[in-house]
Every structure is written in C-alpha cells, then in structure tokens.
C-alpha cells in the first residue's frame, strides 16, 4: 500500500517548493513500485487508503468499523503489532485478490 499525500503538478513547479519535493519523491517511489510489480507480471491495483475499509465492508455487507473489529481478531500469531495500517493493507490485499 503506497499512500499518496498530495497531487503533483508540473515537476519544475514542484521542485521550487520543499513540501512539493516530498510529494514528487513519493510519486517517483510509487511509480517505480508499479513498474517493478508490472514487470514481475503481478496484478496491481490502486486503492485509496481512506476508502479501503469502506469498499471492503461494502463487498462483505458490513460496516467499516465492524470489519476493522473483525480484522483486529485476525492478527497473525507471529505479528508483534497489528496496527490499523496493517489491517487496511490486509483489506486492500483481499480486495486485490477478489478483483
């Protein structure tokens, strides 16, 4: 799950602002991952982090809160932590696999 934190316009304009440089860097990383995954012939979907639990909940006919609660119970035994970000990634992986 690669999260976009902003919208990048023209690269020359982005390089004039320190904050925009970070947006450009993030976009470059996301593009590199997409290319690498594509070359390995692995299916890749763009999934917005904020709507992942909503979309997965809709497919499973449950609320995002109920889905997150259920995902909390699915923590892998070897995982030291199971943060909301981990649960969102698990939901995104399920959405990608079910697409």
N, C-alpha and C. Protein backbone atom coordinates (compact mmCIF):
# COMPACT_ATOMS: atom_id res chain seq x y z
N UNK A 1 0.87 -1.16 0.00
CA UNK A 1 0.00 0.00 0.00
C UNK A 1 0.91 1.22 0.00
N UNK A 2 0.83 1.95 -1.06
CA UNK A 2 1.65 3.16 -1.19
C UNK A 2 0.71 4.35 -1.18
N UNK A 3 0.80 5.15 -0.17
CA UNK A 3 -0.14 6.23 0.03
C UNK A 3 0.35 7.51 -0.61
N UNK A 4 -0.50 8.15 -1.37
CA UNK A 4 -0.19 9.45 -1.93
C UNK A 4 -0.65 10.53 -0.97
N UNK A 5 0.21 11.47 -0.70
CA UNK A 5 -0.12 12.52 0.26
C UNK A 5 -0.38 13.87 -0.41
N UNK A 6 -0.41 13.91 -1.70
CA UNK A 6 -0.64 15.17 -2.37
C UNK A 6 -0.74 14.96 -3.86
N UNK A 7 -1.02 16.04 -4.55
CA UNK A 7 -1.13 15.99 -6.00
C UNK A 7 0.06 16.73 -6.58
N UNK A 8 0.72 16.09 -7.49
CA UNK A 8 1.89 16.68 -8.12
C UNK A 8 1.49 17.25 -9.47
N UNK A 9 1.80 18.52 -9.66
CA UNK A 9 1.53 19.15 -10.95
C UNK A 9 2.78 19.05 -11.80
N UNK A 10 3.20 20.17 -12.33
CA UNK A 10 4.40 20.26 -13.15
C UNK A 10 5.64 20.03 -12.27
N UNK A 11 6.55 19.20 -12.73
CA UNK A 11 7.74 18.85 -11.94
C UNK A 11 8.59 20.08 -11.65
N UNK A 12 8.75 20.97 -12.62
CA UNK A 12 9.55 22.19 -12.39
C UNK A 12 8.95 23.03 -11.26
N UNK A 13 7.62 23.15 -11.23
CA UNK A 13 6.98 23.90 -10.15
C UNK A 13 7.14 23.18 -8.82
N UNK A 14 7.04 21.84 -8.85
CA UNK A 14 7.17 21.07 -7.61
C UNK A 14 8.55 21.24 -6.99
N UNK A 15 9.56 21.33 -7.81
CA UNK A 15 10.92 21.44 -7.30
C UNK A 15 11.21 22.81 -6.69
N UNK A 16 10.33 23.77 -6.87
CA UNK A 16 10.50 25.09 -6.28
C UNK A 16 10.04 25.14 -4.82
N UNK A 17 9.32 24.15 -4.37
CA UNK A 17 8.77 24.12 -3.02
C UNK A 17 9.29 22.89 -2.29
N UNK A 18 9.77 23.11 -1.06
CA UNK A 18 10.30 21.98 -0.28
C UNK A 18 9.24 20.90 -0.06
N UNK A 19 8.05 21.31 0.31
CA UNK A 19 6.97 20.34 0.54
C UNK A 19 6.65 19.57 -0.73
N UNK A 20 6.66 20.25 -1.86
CA UNK A 20 6.34 19.58 -3.12
C UNK A 20 7.42 18.59 -3.54
N UNK A 21 8.64 18.84 -3.09
CA UNK A 21 9.71 17.88 -3.39
C UNK A 21 9.38 16.53 -2.78
N UNK A 22 8.83 16.53 -1.58
CA UNK A 22 8.46 15.27 -0.93
C UNK A 22 7.31 14.58 -1.66
N UNK A 23 6.38 15.36 -2.17
CA UNK A 23 5.29 14.79 -2.97
C UNK A 23 5.86 14.15 -4.23
N UNK A 24 6.79 14.85 -4.88
CA UNK A 24 7.42 14.32 -6.10
C UNK A 24 8.19 13.04 -5.79
N UNK A 25 8.88 13.03 -4.67
CA UNK A 25 9.64 11.84 -4.27
C UNK A 25 8.70 10.65 -4.04
N UNK A 26 7.60 10.89 -3.36
CA UNK A 26 6.63 9.82 -3.12
C UNK A 26 6.04 9.30 -4.41
N UNK A 27 5.73 10.21 -5.33
CA UNK A 27 5.18 9.78 -6.62
C UNK A 27 6.20 8.95 -7.39
N UNK A 28 7.47 9.33 -7.32
CA UNK A 28 8.52 8.57 -8.01
C UNK A 28 8.63 7.15 -7.43
N UNK A 29 8.54 7.04 -6.12
CA UNK A 29 8.61 5.72 -5.48
C UNK A 29 7.41 4.88 -5.89
N UNK A 30 6.20 5.48 -5.85
CA UNK A 30 5.01 4.73 -6.26
C UNK A 30 5.11 4.27 -7.71
N UNK A 31 5.61 5.13 -8.58
CA UNK A 31 5.75 4.75 -9.99
C UNK A 31 6.77 3.62 -10.15
N UNK A 32 7.88 3.70 -9.42
CA UNK A 32 8.90 2.64 -9.50
C UNK A 32 8.34 1.30 -9.03
N UNK A 33 7.56 1.32 -7.97
CA UNK A 33 6.96 0.07 -7.47
C UNK A 33 5.97 -0.47 -8.49
N UNK A 34 5.14 0.40 -9.07
CA UNK A 34 4.19 -0.06 -10.09
C UNK A 34 4.90 -0.71 -11.27
N UNK A 35 5.99 -0.09 -11.73
CA UNK A 35 6.75 -0.64 -12.86
C UNK A 35 7.36 -1.99 -12.48
N UNK A 36 7.97 -2.07 -11.30
CA UNK A 36 8.60 -3.31 -10.86
C UNK A 36 7.58 -4.43 -10.71
N UNK A 37 6.45 -4.13 -10.12
CA UNK A 37 5.40 -5.13 -9.94
C UNK A 37 4.87 -5.56 -11.31
N UNK A 38 4.68 -4.60 -12.20
CA UNK A 38 4.22 -4.93 -13.56
C UNK A 38 5.19 -5.82 -14.31
N UNK A 39 6.49 -5.54 -14.17
CA UNK A 39 7.48 -6.37 -14.86
C UNK A 39 7.53 -7.78 -14.29
N UNK A 40 7.12 -7.95 -13.03
CA UNK A 40 7.06 -9.30 -12.45
C UNK A 40 5.73 -9.97 -12.79
N UNK A 41 4.91 -9.27 -13.57
CA UNK A 41 3.60 -9.75 -14.01
C UNK A 41 2.69 -10.08 -12.82
N UNK A 42 2.76 -9.22 -11.81
CA UNK A 42 1.89 -9.32 -10.65
C UNK A 42 0.80 -8.27 -10.82
N UNK A 43 -0.44 -8.68 -10.61
CA UNK A 43 -1.55 -7.75 -10.73
C UNK A 43 -1.42 -6.65 -9.67
N UNK A 44 -1.71 -5.44 -10.06
CA UNK A 44 -1.58 -4.29 -9.17
C UNK A 44 -2.81 -3.42 -9.34
N UNK A 45 -3.39 -3.01 -8.23
CA UNK A 45 -4.49 -2.06 -8.30
C UNK A 45 -4.15 -0.86 -7.43
N UNK A 46 -4.66 0.30 -7.80
CA UNK A 46 -4.53 1.48 -6.96
C UNK A 46 -5.73 1.51 -6.03
N UNK A 47 -5.46 1.57 -4.75
CA UNK A 47 -6.52 1.57 -3.76
C UNK A 47 -6.26 2.71 -2.79
N UNK A 48 -7.21 3.61 -2.66
CA UNK A 48 -7.09 4.72 -1.74
C UNK A 48 -7.17 4.21 -0.30
N UNK A 49 -6.19 4.58 0.49
CA UNK A 49 -6.11 4.10 1.88
C UNK A 49 -7.38 4.44 2.68
N UNK A 50 -7.88 5.65 2.48
CA UNK A 50 -9.02 6.10 3.28
C UNK A 50 -10.31 5.37 2.96
N UNK A 51 -10.44 4.84 1.76
CA UNK A 51 -11.69 4.18 1.39
C UNK A 51 -11.58 2.66 1.38
N UNK A 52 -10.44 2.11 1.74
CA UNK A 52 -10.24 0.66 1.67
C UNK A 52 -11.22 -0.09 2.56
N UNK A 53 -11.31 0.29 3.84
CA UNK A 53 -12.22 -0.42 4.74
C UNK A 53 -13.67 -0.22 4.34
N UNK A 54 -14.00 0.94 3.79
CA UNK A 54 -15.37 1.20 3.33
C UNK A 54 -15.69 0.26 2.16
N UNK A 55 -14.80 0.21 1.18
CA UNK A 55 -15.04 -0.64 0.00
C UNK A 55 -15.09 -2.11 0.37
N UNK A 56 -14.15 -2.55 1.21
CA UNK A 56 -14.15 -3.96 1.64
C UNK A 56 -15.40 -4.26 2.46
N UNK A 57 -15.79 -3.33 3.32
CA UNK A 57 -17.02 -3.52 4.10
C UNK A 57 -18.24 -3.63 3.21
N UNK A 58 -18.30 -2.79 2.18
CA UNK A 58 -19.43 -2.86 1.25
C UNK A 58 -19.49 -4.22 0.57
N UNK A 59 -18.34 -4.72 0.14
CA UNK A 59 -18.33 -6.04 -0.53
C UNK A 59 -18.75 -7.15 0.42
N UNK A 60 -18.41 -6.99 1.70
CA UNK A 60 -18.75 -8.01 2.70
C UNK A 60 -20.07 -7.71 3.42
N UNK A 61 -20.73 -6.63 3.00
CA UNK A 61 -22.02 -6.21 3.58
C UNK A 61 -21.91 -5.98 5.09
N UNK A 62 -20.90 -5.22 5.46
CA UNK A 62 -20.72 -4.85 6.86
C UNK A 62 -20.16 -3.43 6.93
N UNK A 63 -20.19 -2.86 8.10
CA UNK A 63 -19.67 -1.50 8.26
C UNK A 63 -18.15 -1.53 8.32
N UNK A 64 -17.51 -0.41 7.98
CA UNK A 64 -16.05 -0.35 8.10
C UNK A 64 -15.58 -0.62 9.53
N UNK A 65 -16.35 -0.15 10.51
CA UNK A 65 -15.99 -0.36 11.92
C UNK A 65 -16.08 -1.84 12.30
N UNK A 66 -17.12 -2.51 11.84
CA UNK A 66 -17.27 -3.94 12.14
C UNK A 66 -16.17 -4.74 11.44
N UNK A 67 -15.83 -4.35 10.23
CA UNK A 67 -14.76 -5.04 9.51
C UNK A 67 -13.43 -4.84 10.23
N UNK A 68 -13.14 -3.61 10.66
CA UNK A 68 -11.89 -3.35 11.37
C UNK A 68 -11.85 -4.15 12.67
N UNK A 69 -12.96 -4.23 13.37
CA UNK A 69 -13.02 -5.02 14.60
C UNK A 69 -12.73 -6.49 14.32
N UNK A 70 -13.28 -6.99 13.24
CA UNK A 70 -13.04 -8.40 12.86
C UNK A 70 -11.58 -8.60 12.46
N UNK A 71 -11.03 -7.63 11.74
CA UNK A 71 -9.63 -7.73 11.34
C UNK A 71 -8.70 -7.72 12.55
N UNK A 72 -9.07 -6.98 13.60
CA UNK A 72 -8.27 -6.97 14.83
C UNK A 72 -8.12 -8.38 15.39
N UNK A 73 -9.17 -9.17 15.25
CA UNK A 73 -9.17 -10.54 15.76
C UNK A 73 -8.34 -11.48 14.89
N UNK A 74 -7.98 -11.04 13.70
CA UNK A 74 -7.24 -11.88 12.75
C UNK A 74 -5.73 -11.64 12.78
N UNK A 75 -5.24 -11.01 13.83
CA UNK A 75 -3.81 -10.71 13.91
C UNK A 75 -3.02 -12.00 13.79
N UNK A 76 -2.07 -12.03 12.84
CA UNK A 76 -1.23 -13.22 12.71
C UNK A 76 -0.47 -13.47 14.01
N UNK A 77 -0.35 -14.73 14.43
CA UNK A 77 0.29 -15.03 15.71
C UNK A 77 1.74 -14.56 15.80
N UNK A 78 2.43 -14.51 14.69
CA UNK A 78 3.83 -14.09 14.69
C UNK A 78 4.00 -12.58 14.65
N UNK A 79 2.91 -11.85 14.44
CA UNK A 79 2.99 -10.39 14.33
C UNK A 79 3.12 -9.76 15.72
N UNK A 80 4.13 -8.92 15.88
CA UNK A 80 4.29 -8.21 17.15
C UNK A 80 3.21 -7.16 17.32
N UNK A 81 2.91 -6.48 16.24
CA UNK A 81 1.86 -5.46 16.29
C UNK A 81 0.89 -5.72 15.15
N UNK A 82 -0.26 -5.15 15.26
CA UNK A 82 -1.29 -5.29 14.23
C UNK A 82 -2.03 -3.97 14.20
N UNK A 83 -1.36 -2.98 13.64
CA UNK A 83 -1.88 -1.62 13.64
C UNK A 83 -3.01 -1.46 12.62
N UNK A 84 -3.66 -0.32 12.68
CA UNK A 84 -4.73 -0.05 11.70
C UNK A 84 -4.16 -0.07 10.29
N UNK A 85 -2.94 0.45 10.12
CA UNK A 85 -2.32 0.40 8.79
C UNK A 85 -2.16 -1.04 8.31
N UNK A 86 -1.77 -1.95 9.19
CA UNK A 86 -1.66 -3.36 8.81
C UNK A 86 -3.02 -3.92 8.41
N UNK A 87 -4.04 -3.56 9.18
CA UNK A 87 -5.38 -4.08 8.87
C UNK A 87 -5.89 -3.53 7.55
N UNK A 88 -5.61 -2.27 7.27
CA UNK A 88 -6.01 -1.68 5.99
C UNK A 88 -5.29 -2.39 4.84
N UNK A 89 -4.02 -2.69 5.02
CA UNK A 89 -3.26 -3.39 3.99
C UNK A 89 -3.83 -4.79 3.77
N UNK A 90 -4.23 -5.46 4.86
CA UNK A 90 -4.85 -6.79 4.72
C UNK A 90 -6.15 -6.68 3.93
N UNK A 91 -6.94 -5.65 4.22
CA UNK A 91 -8.20 -5.46 3.47
C UNK A 91 -7.92 -5.14 2.01
N UNK A 92 -6.89 -4.33 1.75
CA UNK A 92 -6.53 -3.99 0.37
C UNK A 92 -6.07 -5.23 -0.39
N UNK A 93 -5.30 -6.09 0.29
CA UNK A 93 -4.84 -7.32 -0.36
C UNK A 93 -6.03 -8.22 -0.70
N UNK A 94 -6.99 -8.29 0.21
CA UNK A 94 -8.19 -9.07 -0.07
C UNK A 94 -8.95 -8.49 -1.26
N UNK A 95 -9.10 -7.15 -1.30
CA UNK A 95 -9.77 -6.51 -2.42
C UNK A 95 -9.05 -6.81 -3.74
N UNK A 96 -7.72 -6.74 -3.72
CA UNK A 96 -6.95 -7.01 -4.94
C UNK A 96 -7.13 -8.47 -5.37
N UNK A 97 -7.13 -9.37 -4.41
CA UNK A 97 -7.27 -10.79 -4.73
C UNK A 97 -8.67 -11.11 -5.24
N UNK A 98 -9.66 -10.35 -4.80
CA UNK A 98 -11.04 -10.63 -5.21
C UNK A 98 -11.43 -9.89 -6.48
N UNK A 99 -10.52 -9.05 -7.01
CA UNK A 99 -10.84 -8.27 -8.20
C UNK A 99 -10.80 -9.12 -9.45
